[in-house]
Amino acid sequence: MAKTKKRIGKQVEPNQSSNATPTPKLTASSPHTTHVKSIFKNSPAYDLLHYFEKAPDQWAARYILVLSSIILRTAVGLGGHSGYKNPPMYGDFEAQRHWMELTIHLPTSDWYFFDLQYWGLDYPPLTAYHSWILGKLGTLINPNWFFLNTSRGLETSDLRFFMRVSSIVSELACYIPGVLLLANVFGKKFNLSRMDQIIFALIILTQPHLILIDHGHFQYNSVMLGCFVYTIVELVQNHLVMASIWFVCCINFKQMGLYYSVFIFFYILSQLRKFKDLVAVGLAVLVTQLIILLPFASHWTTTLPQIVHRVFPFNRGLFEDKVANFWCTTNVLIKYRDLISSSQLSKLSLAATLLSIVPVNIYIFYKLTQRQQPQPPSSSSSSTLSINDKTRISAIVYGFAYNALSFYLFSYQVHEKSILLPLCPILLLLLIDQHDITMIQWINNVGTFSLYPLLKKDDLILQYFVTSILTNWLIGFKLVLPSFEKRNMNNLVIAATYAAMIFYHVIDFMFDPPAKYPDLWVILNIAISFAAFGYTWLWLIYKIVKL
């Protein structure tokens, strides 16, 4: 069988013509490749892993990385979780357990109708199937964990152990291998050494925000983000059909994946050359969606409208709890709910979201289509990528980061945990330009900081500080902290933000909020976080314009 297959949307390099000998290019696998100079030579991460720098030993570094990731997640899981010993609703831990309970005992026709007042299922079908699989496995170990109705609020140590392990296994099955593959693909594209690829994977896999939410607070966001990472891997390699399939899986696990939807639509449209390519992508999306909905086929007329109603709850309100987006932060001054109705608020947030993302997506679309025009052959042969391909791959990551952050800042029904969606592609920017590491890690630190009020409720303060310090130490504080030798706006904003975060933690530790304003410290947290996210939003626009 031939090793190379024709892929939908595959580009022909514009500097190759039938009557000209193309300029030879070095690939990452070439023995003469000059790798990009690493910035991690003096970092603790490099000190820990450089013993495995030789090619025969690099497999061991990957195993150590995966094993260390498991140990870190297990350690976080020893702490509290959402709703622990807090009846009658408990929290997200009980919600996940309850969905396992109902999916294994009820027919699919009842899944989205059963007892909606007590953690009714409100995620798309792939989450339901995931719950069904875990529920079946758990029942084999101990049926008492998932008895219908009578098991509500169960928090025994053996059940908690099973749930924690299920979260780790879910991440091992999807997110962790996706990150390792993505680091490898980007490493080959951008001439990163194998050791740098492993260090980048280490930085991504030790970031506190996802670990604290999935293995502390307790959810399964890693499955959705794993599907998204595979989407990026396929887009980078111009495999549009496979990327479409992965993305359909992403949004069918958690509807928050729609934060990425507008950009992927514009991007795929910019890469289609022929009508048959459009048909292939369309069929891939349609067939994948139909397969996912197949278990509901016998009762689709009643179930599908209910799924849509549960997945998109427009009647819940503009935002959930306190979240560092535009609406919640400005709500301190402007009481939106007193001025306009919920339906008007949903329309207003939709208009604000579209206004923030559509012009930038059109600009990226224009950039990508213009770059596809034939250009003179490059005089340089030292680069693995053409200028066109560098722009295309950079646009993928910047586009996803900007769109997800715009949705977080301006859309309807945002949770504090939704910050995971922009943070994932923002982290991947490290693979494009490692010299932005101070800025990128600052954004991730602020993202973790924005989750602090939620984590404090779950008694995860120790885990919050330890994982945050650990990640920044691994990278190296010299790379993380702003350089005072370079006085620019970015360094000034970063330094001011860190000072504000330290001040916040000091007053939160030493003083209770005034009785008249019990949420004052939380509001201060979201104000600091929103200011940083707003600056990040502008920075992403600047970087996109420079593509």
Protein backbone atom coordinates (compact mmCIF):
# COMPACT_ATOMS: atom_id res chain seq x y z
CA MET A 1 0.00 0.00 0.00
CA ALA A 2 1.31 3.42 -0.85
CA LYS A 3 2.50 5.38 2.14
CA THR A 4 1.19 8.68 0.88
CA LYS A 5 -2.46 9.35 0.31
CA LYS A 6 -4.21 12.26 -1.22
CA ARG A 7 -5.79 14.38 1.51
CA ILE A 8 -8.66 16.78 1.16
CA GLY A 9 -7.44 20.37 1.08
CA LYS A 10 -3.77 19.48 0.55
CA GLN A 11 -1.82 22.53 -0.61
CA VAL A 12 0.78 22.65 -3.36
CA GLU A 13 3.69 24.89 -2.46
CA PRO A 14 3.33 28.06 -4.51
CA ASN A 15 7.06 28.35 -5.19
CA GLN A 16 7.12 25.08 -7.12
CA SER A 17 6.43 25.19 -10.86
CA SER A 18 6.67 22.72 -13.70
CA ASN A 19 9.60 24.46 -15.40
CA ALA A 20 11.67 25.38 -12.37
CA THR A 21 13.67 23.26 -9.99
CA PRO A 22 12.28 23.87 -6.51
CA THR A 23 14.64 25.17 -3.89
CA PRO A 24 15.57 22.21 -1.67
CA LYS A 25 14.22 22.36 1.85
CA LEU A 26 15.60 20.81 5.00
CA THR A 27 13.14 18.84 7.05
CA ALA A 28 13.13 18.21 10.76
CA SER A 29 14.22 14.65 10.13
CA SER A 30 17.23 15.70 8.07
CA PRO A 31 20.60 15.16 9.79
CA HIS A 32 21.65 18.64 8.65
CA THR A 33 18.66 20.44 10.18
CA THR A 34 19.57 23.43 12.33
CA HIS A 35 17.17 23.46 15.26
CA VAL A 36 15.80 26.67 16.72
CA LYS A 37 17.97 27.72 19.67
CA SER A 38 16.35 26.59 22.90
CA ILE A 39 15.45 29.10 25.61
CA PHE A 40 15.25 26.35 28.23
CA LYS A 41 18.94 25.50 28.66
CA ASN A 42 19.01 26.98 32.17
CA SER A 43 15.50 25.97 33.25
CA PRO A 44 14.78 23.32 35.91
CA ALA A 45 12.75 21.39 33.31
CA TYR A 46 15.85 21.06 31.13
CA ASP A 47 18.00 20.16 34.13
CA LEU A 48 15.60 17.34 34.96
CA LEU A 49 15.32 15.96 31.43
CA HIS A 50 18.66 16.65 29.73
CA TYR A 51 19.99 13.24 30.81
CA PHE A 52 17.63 11.79 28.20
CA GLU A 53 18.67 14.15 25.40
CA LYS A 54 20.33 11.43 23.33
CA ALA A 55 18.02 9.93 20.72
CA PRO A 56 17.99 6.37 22.17
CA ASP A 57 16.90 7.74 25.58
CA GLN A 58 14.17 10.15 24.46
CA TRP A 59 11.45 7.52 24.77
CA ALA A 60 12.27 7.33 28.49
CA ALA A 61 11.75 11.10 28.85
CA ARG A 62 8.24 10.74 27.42
CA TYR A 63 7.39 7.92 29.83
CA ILE A 64 8.73 9.97 32.73
CA LEU A 65 6.63 12.92 31.55
CA VAL A 66 3.44 10.85 31.39
CA LEU A 67 4.14 9.17 34.75
CA SER A 68 4.86 12.54 36.38
CA SER A 69 1.60 13.91 34.95
CA ILE A 70 -0.31 11.02 36.52
CA ILE A 71 1.40 11.52 39.90
CA LEU A 72 0.64 15.27 39.86
CA ARG A 73 -3.03 14.66 39.03
CA THR A 74 -3.29 11.97 41.70
CA ALA A 75 -1.81 14.32 44.31
CA VAL A 76 -4.33 17.04 43.43
CA GLY A 77 -7.11 14.44 43.63
CA LEU A 78 -6.31 13.78 47.29
CA GLY A 79 -7.89 17.14 48.09
CA GLY A 80 -11.51 18.21 48.10
CA HIS A 81 -13.96 18.26 45.25
CA SER A 82 -17.00 20.25 44.25
CA GLY A 83 -19.88 19.97 46.73
CA TYR A 84 -18.10 17.63 49.16
CA LYS A 85 -20.45 17.00 52.12
CA ASN A 86 -22.68 19.85 50.98
CA PRO A 87 -26.26 18.58 50.52
CA PRO A 88 -28.79 18.68 49.00
CA MET A 89 -27.30 19.34 45.54
CA TYR A 90 -23.64 18.68 46.38
CA GLY A 91 -21.71 19.75 43.24
CA ASP A 92 -20.11 18.78 39.95
CA PHE A 93 -18.73 15.55 41.42
CA GLU A 94 -22.28 14.42 42.19
CA ALA A 95 -23.50 15.65 38.81
CA GLN A 96 -20.98 13.44 37.00
CA ARG A 97 -21.81 10.46 39.23
CA HIS A 98 -25.55 11.02 38.78
CA TRP A 99 -25.23 11.04 34.99
CA MET A 100 -23.51 7.65 35.18
CA GLU A 101 -26.38 6.48 37.36
CA LEU A 102 -29.18 7.61 35.07
CA THR A 103 -27.58 6.58 31.75
CA ILE A 104 -27.03 2.96 32.83
CA HIS A 105 -30.54 2.54 34.29
CA LEU A 106 -32.76 4.48 31.88
CA PRO A 107 -33.43 4.20 28.13
CA THR A 108 -31.95 6.91 25.93
CA SER A 109 -35.42 8.38 25.47
CA ASP A 110 -35.41 9.42 29.15
CA TRP A 111 -31.84 10.65 29.52
CA TYR A 112 -32.57 14.32 28.86
CA PHE A 113 -35.93 14.33 30.69
CA PHE A 114 -35.14 12.60 33.97
CA ASP A 115 -35.51 14.67 37.16
CA LEU A 116 -34.28 17.93 35.67
CA GLN A 117 -34.38 19.66 39.05
CA TYR A 118 -31.61 17.38 40.32
CA TRP A 119 -28.62 17.61 38.00
CA GLY A 120 -30.54 16.95 34.83
CA LEU A 121 -28.28 15.96 31.95
CA ASP A 122 -27.31 19.16 30.12
CA TYR A 123 -24.31 18.17 28.01
CA PRO A 124 -24.31 16.74 24.46
CA PRO A 125 -24.58 13.00 23.65
CA LEU A 126 -20.87 12.10 23.79
CA THR A 127 -20.79 13.14 27.45
CA ALA A 128 -23.81 10.89 28.01
CA TYR A 129 -22.10 7.94 26.30
CA HIS A 130 -18.92 8.60 28.29
CA SER A 131 -21.01 8.55 31.49
CA TRP A 132 -22.68 5.31 30.37
CA ILE A 133 -19.33 3.59 29.80
CA LEU A 134 -17.93 4.70 33.15
CA GLY A 135 -21.18 3.80 34.91
CA LYS A 136 -21.10 0.28 33.45
CA LEU A 137 -17.47 -0.17 34.50
CA GLY A 138 -18.19 1.16 37.97
CA THR A 139 -21.18 -1.16 38.39
CA LEU A 140 -18.92 -4.14 37.75
CA ILE A 141 -16.85 -3.06 40.76
CA ASN A 142 -19.64 -1.93 43.10
CA PRO A 143 -23.30 -1.66 41.97
CA ASN A 144 -24.14 0.38 45.09
CA TRP A 145 -22.31 3.38 43.63
CA PHE A 146 -24.94 3.85 40.94
CA PHE A 147 -28.28 2.56 42.25
CA LEU A 148 -31.01 4.69 40.71
CA ASN A 149 -32.15 7.45 43.12
CA THR A 150 -30.90 5.74 46.31
CA SER A 151 -27.22 6.45 45.55
CA ARG A 152 -27.61 10.24 45.47
CA GLY A 153 -24.98 12.14 47.39
CA LEU A 154 -22.78 9.07 47.83
CA GLU A 155 -19.18 10.11 48.65
CA THR A 156 -17.53 6.97 49.98
CA SER A 157 -13.76 6.71 49.69
CA ASP A 158 -13.91 3.83 47.19
CA LEU A 159 -16.32 5.75 44.93
CA ARG A 160 -14.15 8.85 45.09
CA PHE A 161 -11.13 6.73 44.16
CA PHE A 162 -12.98 5.27 41.17
CA MET A 163 -14.12 8.70 39.98
CA ARG A 164 -10.62 10.17 40.33
CA VAL A 165 -9.12 7.27 38.39
CA SER A 166 -11.78 7.61 35.68
CA SER A 167 -10.79 11.26 35.18
CA ILE A 168 -7.09 10.37 34.89
CA VAL A 169 -7.79 7.49 32.48
CA SER A 170 -10.00 9.74 30.34
CA GLU A 171 -7.17 12.26 30.08
CA LEU A 172 -4.64 9.51 29.34
CA ALA A 173 -6.86 8.23 26.55
CA CYS A 174 -7.35 11.56 24.78
CA TYR A 175 -5.65 14.74 25.97
CA ILE A 176 -2.15 13.59 26.96
CA PRO A 177 -1.41 11.61 23.75
CA GLY A 178 -2.89 14.51 21.77
CA VAL A 179 -0.49 16.98 23.39
CA LEU A 180 2.50 14.70 22.77
CA LEU A 181 1.51 14.28 19.12
CA LEU A 182 0.92 18.00 18.69
CA ALA A 183 4.33 18.86 20.19
CA ASN A 184 5.91 16.41 17.75
CA VAL A 185 4.05 17.79 14.71
CA PHE A 186 4.81 21.42 15.60
CA GLY A 187 8.38 20.49 16.46
CA LYS A 188 8.95 19.12 12.97
CA LYS A 189 7.29 22.14 11.38
CA PHE A 190 9.24 24.72 13.39
CA ASN A 191 12.58 22.89 13.71
CA LEU A 192 12.36 22.33 17.46
CA SER A 193 14.72 19.80 18.98
CA ARG A 194 13.25 16.62 20.44
CA MET A 195 14.17 17.81 23.93
CA ASP A 196 12.36 21.12 23.39
CA GLN A 197 9.31 19.22 22.16
CA ILE A 198 9.28 17.20 25.38
CA ILE A 199 9.77 20.32 27.51
CA PHE A 200 6.91 22.09 25.73
CA ALA A 201 4.70 19.05 26.36
CA LEU A 202 5.79 19.14 30.02
CA ILE A 203 4.82 22.82 30.31
CA ILE A 204 1.41 22.18 28.75
CA LEU A 205 0.66 19.08 30.83
CA THR A 206 1.66 20.67 34.15
CA GLN A 207 -0.43 23.84 33.78
CA PRO A 208 -2.59 24.06 36.92
CA HIS A 209 -5.92 25.24 35.51
CA LEU A 210 -7.01 22.02 33.78
CA ILE A 211 -5.51 19.82 36.51
CA LEU A 212 -7.29 21.72 39.29
CA ILE A 213 -10.65 21.70 37.52
CA ASP A 214 -10.67 18.11 36.26
CA HIS A 215 -8.82 16.38 39.10
CA GLY A 216 -9.62 18.76 41.95
CA HIS A 217 -13.02 20.37 41.42
CA PHE A 218 -13.89 17.34 39.23
CA GLN A 219 -14.96 17.28 35.62
CA TYR A 220 -13.90 15.67 32.33
CA ASN A 221 -12.87 18.73 30.31
CA SER A 222 -9.73 16.94 29.12
CA VAL A 223 -11.80 14.80 26.73
CA MET A 224 -13.24 17.85 24.97
CA LEU A 225 -9.84 19.58 24.89
CA GLY A 226 -8.21 16.38 23.66
CA CYS A 227 -10.58 16.30 20.68
CA PHE A 228 -9.74 19.96 20.08
CA VAL A 229 -5.99 19.28 20.17
CA TYR A 230 -6.43 16.51 17.58
CA THR A 231 -8.43 19.00 15.49
CA ILE A 232 -5.43 21.35 15.47
CA VAL A 233 -3.04 18.49 14.62
CA GLU A 234 -5.14 17.62 11.57
CA LEU A 235 -5.55 21.26 10.50
CA VAL A 236 -1.80 21.84 10.69
CA GLN A 237 -1.30 18.86 8.39
CA ASN A 238 -4.11 20.11 6.13
CA HIS A 239 -6.29 17.06 6.76
CA LEU A 240 -9.57 18.95 6.69
CA VAL A 241 -11.91 15.95 6.76
CA MET A 242 -10.28 14.42 9.84
CA ALA A 243 -10.14 17.84 11.50
CA SER A 244 -13.88 18.23 10.91
CA ILE A 245 -14.60 14.83 12.45
CA TRP A 246 -12.54 15.60 15.54
CA PHE A 247 -14.20 18.99 15.94
CA VAL A 248 -17.70 17.49 15.72
CA CYS A 249 -16.63 15.13 18.52
CA CYS A 250 -15.34 18.12 20.51
CA ILE A 251 -18.62 20.03 20.43
CA ASN A 252 -20.63 16.85 20.99
CA PHE A 253 -18.77 16.22 24.23
CA LYS A 254 -19.23 19.73 25.59
CA GLN A 255 -21.09 22.52 23.87
CA MET A 256 -18.44 24.97 25.06
CA GLY A 257 -16.39 23.69 22.12
CA LEU A 258 -18.53 26.03 20.03
CA TYR A 259 -16.19 28.79 21.24
CA TYR A 260 -13.92 27.57 18.44
CA SER A 261 -16.63 27.08 15.81
CA VAL A 262 -16.63 30.43 14.00
CA PHE A 263 -12.91 30.36 13.36
CA ILE A 264 -12.78 26.76 12.14
CA PHE A 265 -15.59 27.60 9.69
CA PHE A 266 -13.65 30.55 8.25
CA TYR A 267 -10.39 28.62 8.24
CA ILE A 268 -11.68 25.52 6.44
CA LEU A 269 -13.47 27.77 3.95
CA SER A 270 -10.17 29.51 3.20
CA GLN A 271 -8.48 26.17 2.47
CA LEU A 272 -11.06 24.63 0.14
CA ARG A 273 -10.01 24.60 -3.51
CA LYS A 274 -12.63 22.49 -5.22
CA PHE A 275 -16.33 21.86 -4.81
CA LYS A 276 -15.65 18.18 -4.10
CA ASP A 277 -13.51 19.22 -1.12
CA LEU A 278 -16.45 21.19 0.26
CA VAL A 279 -18.73 18.19 -0.26
CA ALA A 280 -16.25 15.89 1.49
CA VAL A 281 -16.00 18.16 4.54
CA GLY A 282 -19.78 18.64 4.64
CA LEU A 283 -20.41 14.90 4.44
CA ALA A 284 -17.83 14.22 7.16
CA VAL A 285 -19.60 16.64 9.50
CA LEU A 286 -23.07 15.33 8.66
CA VAL A 287 -22.22 11.63 8.88
CA THR A 288 -20.29 12.05 12.14
CA GLN A 289 -23.18 13.97 13.70
CA LEU A 290 -25.72 11.37 12.54
CA ILE A 291 -23.64 8.53 13.98
CA ILE A 292 -23.43 10.35 17.33
CA LEU A 293 -27.22 10.83 17.37
CA LEU A 294 -28.01 7.30 16.16
CA PRO A 295 -29.01 5.92 19.61
CA PHE A 296 -31.77 8.55 19.69
CA ALA A 297 -33.10 7.71 16.20
CA SER A 298 -36.22 5.83 17.32
CA HIS A 299 -37.52 8.82 19.28
CA TRP A 300 -35.74 11.75 17.69
CA THR A 301 -38.87 13.93 17.31
CA THR A 302 -39.22 14.25 21.07
CA THR A 303 -35.62 13.82 22.23
CA LEU A 304 -33.67 16.05 19.84
CA PRO A 305 -35.60 19.25 20.72
CA GLN A 306 -35.07 18.43 24.40
CA ILE A 307 -31.34 17.89 23.86
CA VAL A 308 -31.09 21.31 22.21
CA HIS A 309 -33.11 22.88 25.02
CA ARG A 310 -30.90 21.31 27.70
CA VAL A 311 -27.60 22.01 25.95
CA PHE A 312 -28.43 25.68 25.23
CA PRO A 313 -30.24 26.96 28.36
CA PHE A 314 -30.88 30.57 27.36
CA ASN A 315 -33.29 30.99 30.25
CA ARG A 316 -30.57 30.61 32.91
CA GLY A 317 -29.07 34.07 32.71
CA LEU A 318 -26.21 36.11 31.32
CA PHE A 319 -23.48 34.48 33.43
CA GLU A 320 -23.10 31.80 36.11
CA ASP A 321 -21.74 32.83 39.51
CA LYS A 322 -18.86 35.35 39.36
CA VAL A 323 -16.80 35.15 36.18
CA ALA A 324 -14.06 37.46 34.86
CA ASN A 325 -15.79 38.45 31.63
CA PHE A 326 -17.15 41.76 30.37
CA TRP A 327 -20.74 41.29 31.54
CA CYS A 328 -20.04 40.12 35.08
CA THR A 329 -17.31 42.71 35.69
CA THR A 330 -19.30 45.66 34.39
CA ASN A 331 -22.41 44.37 36.17
CA VAL A 332 -20.89 45.86 39.32
CA LEU A 333 -21.71 49.28 37.86
CA ILE A 334 -24.51 48.47 35.40
CA LYS A 335 -27.23 46.13 36.64
CA TYR A 336 -28.14 44.61 33.29
CA ARG A 337 -30.85 42.33 34.64
CA ASP A 338 -32.71 45.34 36.06
CA LEU A 339 -32.56 47.21 32.77
CA ILE A 340 -33.41 44.62 30.12
CA SER A 341 -34.97 41.16 29.91
CA SER A 342 -33.11 37.86 29.61
CA SER A 343 -34.05 37.49 25.94
CA GLN A 344 -32.74 40.99 25.20
CA LEU A 345 -29.55 40.22 27.13
CA SER A 346 -28.97 37.09 25.07
CA LYS A 347 -29.36 39.11 21.86
CA LEU A 348 -27.06 41.83 23.18
CA SER A 349 -24.36 39.32 24.11
CA LEU A 350 -24.71 37.62 20.71
CA ALA A 351 -24.27 40.97 18.96
CA ALA A 352 -21.22 41.83 21.09
CA THR A 353 -19.66 38.42 20.47
CA LEU A 354 -20.18 38.56 16.71
CA LEU A 355 -18.92 42.14 16.57
CA SER A 356 -15.72 41.08 18.33
CA ILE A 357 -14.97 37.98 16.26
CA VAL A 358 -16.35 38.39 12.73
CA PRO A 359 -14.08 41.27 11.55
CA VAL A 360 -10.95 39.49 12.80
CA ASN A 361 -12.01 36.21 11.20
CA ILE A 362 -12.63 37.96 7.90
CA TYR A 363 -9.16 39.52 8.17
CA ILE A 364 -7.56 36.10 8.79
CA PHE A 365 -9.56 34.63 5.90
CA TYR A 366 -8.29 37.41 3.63
CA LYS A 367 -4.69 36.89 4.81
CA LEU A 368 -4.83 33.16 4.18
CA THR A 369 -6.39 33.43 0.74
CA GLN A 370 -3.91 36.15 -0.28
CA ARG A 371 -0.95 34.06 0.90
CA GLN A 372 -2.05 31.27 -1.41
CA GLN A 373 -1.26 33.36 -4.48
CA PRO A 374 1.92 32.27 -6.36
CA GLN A 375 5.10 33.90 -5.04
CA PRO A 376 8.72 33.95 -6.26
CA PRO A 377 10.91 31.07 -5.05
CA SER A 378 12.50 31.72 -1.67
CA SER A 379 16.24 32.33 -1.64
CA SER A 380 16.56 30.70 1.77
CA SER A 381 16.83 26.97 2.13
CA SER A 382 17.29 26.82 5.87
CA SER A 383 13.64 26.85 6.81
CA THR A 384 11.43 23.82 7.05
CA LEU A 385 8.34 25.87 6.28
CA SER A 386 7.53 28.30 3.53
CA ILE A 387 6.36 31.76 4.59
CA ASN A 388 2.86 30.75 3.50
CA ASP A 389 2.82 27.67 5.70
CA LYS A 390 4.20 29.54 8.72
CA THR A 391 1.45 32.11 8.34
CA ARG A 392 -1.19 29.41 7.95
CA ILE A 393 -0.13 27.43 11.02
CA SER A 394 0.30 30.57 13.14
CA ALA A 395 -3.14 31.76 12.03
CA ILE A 396 -4.68 28.48 13.20
CA VAL A 397 -3.47 28.85 16.78
CA TYR A 398 -3.89 32.63 17.06
CA GLY A 399 -7.33 32.39 15.48
CA PHE A 400 -8.56 29.76 17.92
CA ALA A 401 -7.07 31.64 20.89
CA TYR A 402 -8.66 34.94 19.90
CA ASN A 403 -12.08 33.47 19.10
CA ALA A 404 -12.27 31.46 22.32
CA LEU A 405 -11.24 34.45 24.43
CA SER A 406 -13.80 36.65 22.66
CA PHE A 407 -16.54 34.13 23.44
CA TYR A 408 -15.40 33.99 27.05
CA LEU A 409 -15.44 37.78 27.39
CA PHE A 410 -18.66 38.60 25.57
CA SER A 411 -20.92 35.57 25.10
CA TYR A 412 -23.96 34.34 27.04
CA GLN A 413 -23.99 31.80 29.90
CA VAL A 414 -20.26 31.81 30.66
CA HIS A 415 -18.88 29.80 33.59
CA GLU A 416 -15.60 30.55 35.34
CA LYS A 417 -14.37 27.16 34.07
CA SER A 418 -14.88 28.34 30.48
CA ILE A 419 -11.49 30.07 30.68
CA LEU A 420 -10.00 26.63 29.91
CA LEU A 421 -11.06 27.04 26.28
CA PRO A 422 -8.96 30.12 25.40
CA LEU A 423 -6.08 28.99 27.63
CA CYS A 424 -5.61 25.77 25.64
CA PRO A 425 -4.72 27.41 22.28
CA ILE A 426 -2.91 30.26 24.05
CA LEU A 427 -0.61 27.64 25.58
CA LEU A 428 0.04 26.21 22.12
CA LEU A 429 1.43 29.58 21.03
CA LEU A 430 4.62 28.49 22.81
CA LEU A 431 5.21 26.06 19.96
CA ILE A 432 5.08 28.91 17.43
CA ASP A 433 7.20 31.54 19.16
CA GLN A 434 8.93 30.48 22.35
CA HIS A 435 10.17 34.03 22.91
CA ASP A 436 6.61 35.00 23.91
CA ILE A 437 6.86 32.65 26.90
CA THR A 438 6.73 35.43 29.52
CA MET A 439 3.51 36.78 28.05
CA ILE A 440 1.95 33.37 27.49
CA GLN A 441 2.74 32.06 30.96
CA TRP A 442 1.44 35.30 32.47
CA ILE A 443 -1.90 34.71 30.72
CA ASN A 444 -2.02 31.16 32.05
CA ASN A 445 -1.15 32.32 35.57
CA VAL A 446 -3.97 34.85 35.45
CA GLY A 447 -6.32 32.16 34.11
CA THR A 448 -5.52 29.96 37.11
CA PHE A 449 -5.87 32.98 39.42
CA SER A 450 -9.37 33.66 38.03
CA LEU A 451 -10.40 30.18 39.24
CA TYR A 452 -9.25 30.84 42.81
CA PRO A 453 -12.70 31.71 44.31
CA LEU A 454 -14.11 28.45 42.92
CA LEU A 455 -11.12 26.42 44.13
CA LYS A 456 -11.34 28.02 47.57
CA LYS A 457 -14.91 26.72 47.89
CA ASP A 458 -13.61 23.23 47.13
CA ASP A 459 -10.79 23.42 49.74
CA LEU A 460 -8.15 23.31 47.01
CA ILE A 461 -6.10 26.31 48.16
CA LEU A 462 -2.98 24.22 48.91
CA GLN A 463 -3.22 22.51 45.51
CA TYR A 464 -3.70 25.89 43.83
CA PHE A 465 -0.50 27.36 45.26
CA VAL A 466 1.65 24.22 44.93
CA THR A 467 0.76 23.54 41.28
CA SER A 468 1.12 27.21 40.34
CA ILE A 469 4.57 27.48 41.91
CA LEU A 470 5.63 24.11 40.47
CA THR A 471 4.78 25.01 36.88
CA ASN A 472 6.49 28.39 36.99
CA TRP A 473 9.55 26.87 38.68
CA LEU A 474 9.82 24.17 35.99
CA ILE A 475 9.81 26.82 33.27
CA GLY A 476 12.26 28.97 35.18
CA PHE A 477 11.38 32.18 37.00
CA LYS A 478 13.83 34.07 34.79
CA LEU A 479 11.63 33.22 31.79
CA VAL A 480 8.33 33.72 33.60
CA LEU A 481 8.95 37.08 35.28
CA PRO A 482 9.17 40.28 33.22
CA SER A 483 12.61 41.67 32.52
CA PHE A 484 13.17 45.11 34.03
CA GLU A 485 15.93 45.68 31.49
CA LYS A 486 13.26 45.79 28.77
CA ARG A 487 10.82 48.52 29.68
CA ASN A 488 7.85 47.99 27.41
CA MET A 489 4.09 47.92 27.85
CA ASN A 490 3.89 44.14 28.12
CA ASN A 491 6.41 43.97 30.96
CA LEU A 492 4.73 46.85 32.77
CA VAL A 493 1.29 45.20 32.56
CA ILE A 494 2.67 41.82 33.61
CA ALA A 495 4.49 43.28 36.63
CA ALA A 496 1.44 45.30 37.69
CA THR A 497 -0.81 42.24 37.39
CA TYR A 498 1.47 40.04 39.49
CA ALA A 499 1.63 42.79 42.13
CA ALA A 500 -2.18 42.99 42.17
CA MET A 501 -2.49 39.20 42.44
CA ILE A 502 -0.08 39.10 45.40
CA PHE A 503 -1.98 41.96 47.08
CA TYR A 504 -5.25 40.08 46.55
CA HIS A 505 -3.96 36.88 48.13
CA VAL A 506 -2.56 38.79 51.12
CA ILE A 507 -5.85 40.52 51.93
CA ASP A 508 -7.84 37.34 51.21
CA PHE A 509 -5.64 35.45 53.68
CA MET A 510 -5.56 38.12 56.39
CA PHE A 511 -9.02 39.69 56.29
CA ASP A 512 -12.61 38.63 55.85
CA PRO A 513 -14.67 40.73 53.42
CA PRO A 514 -17.00 43.31 55.00
CA ALA A 515 -20.31 41.85 56.15
CA LYS A 516 -22.12 44.35 53.95
CA TYR A 517 -20.16 43.22 50.86
CA PRO A 518 -19.47 39.49 51.27
CA ASP A 519 -18.44 39.13 47.61
CA LEU A 520 -15.97 42.02 47.65
CA TRP A 521 -12.84 39.85 47.41
CA VAL A 522 -14.40 37.81 44.61
CA ILE A 523 -15.24 41.00 42.71
CA LEU A 524 -11.65 42.18 43.16
CA ASN A 525 -10.45 38.86 41.73
CA ILE A 526 -12.63 39.13 38.63
CA ALA A 527 -11.67 42.79 38.14
CA ILE A 528 -7.95 41.95 38.12
CA SER A 529 -8.53 38.94 35.88
CA PHE A 530 -10.78 40.79 33.45
CA ALA A 531 -8.26 43.61 33.06
CA ALA A 532 -5.57 41.04 32.19
CA PHE A 533 -7.85 39.15 29.81
CA GLY A 534 -8.82 42.40 28.11
CA TYR A 535 -5.16 43.24 27.54
CA THR A 536 -4.57 39.71 26.25
CA TRP A 537 -7.47 40.17 23.82
CA LEU A 538 -5.82 43.31 22.43
CA TRP A 539 -2.43 41.58 22.29
CA LEU A 540 -3.90 38.74 20.24
CA ILE A 541 -5.39 41.25 17.78
CA TYR A 542 -1.95 42.86 17.46
CA LYS A 543 -0.29 39.48 16.81
CA ILE A 544 -2.94 38.53 14.24
CA VAL A 545 -2.50 41.81 12.36
CA LYS A 546 1.25 41.09 12.19
CA LEU A 547 0.77 37.66 10.60
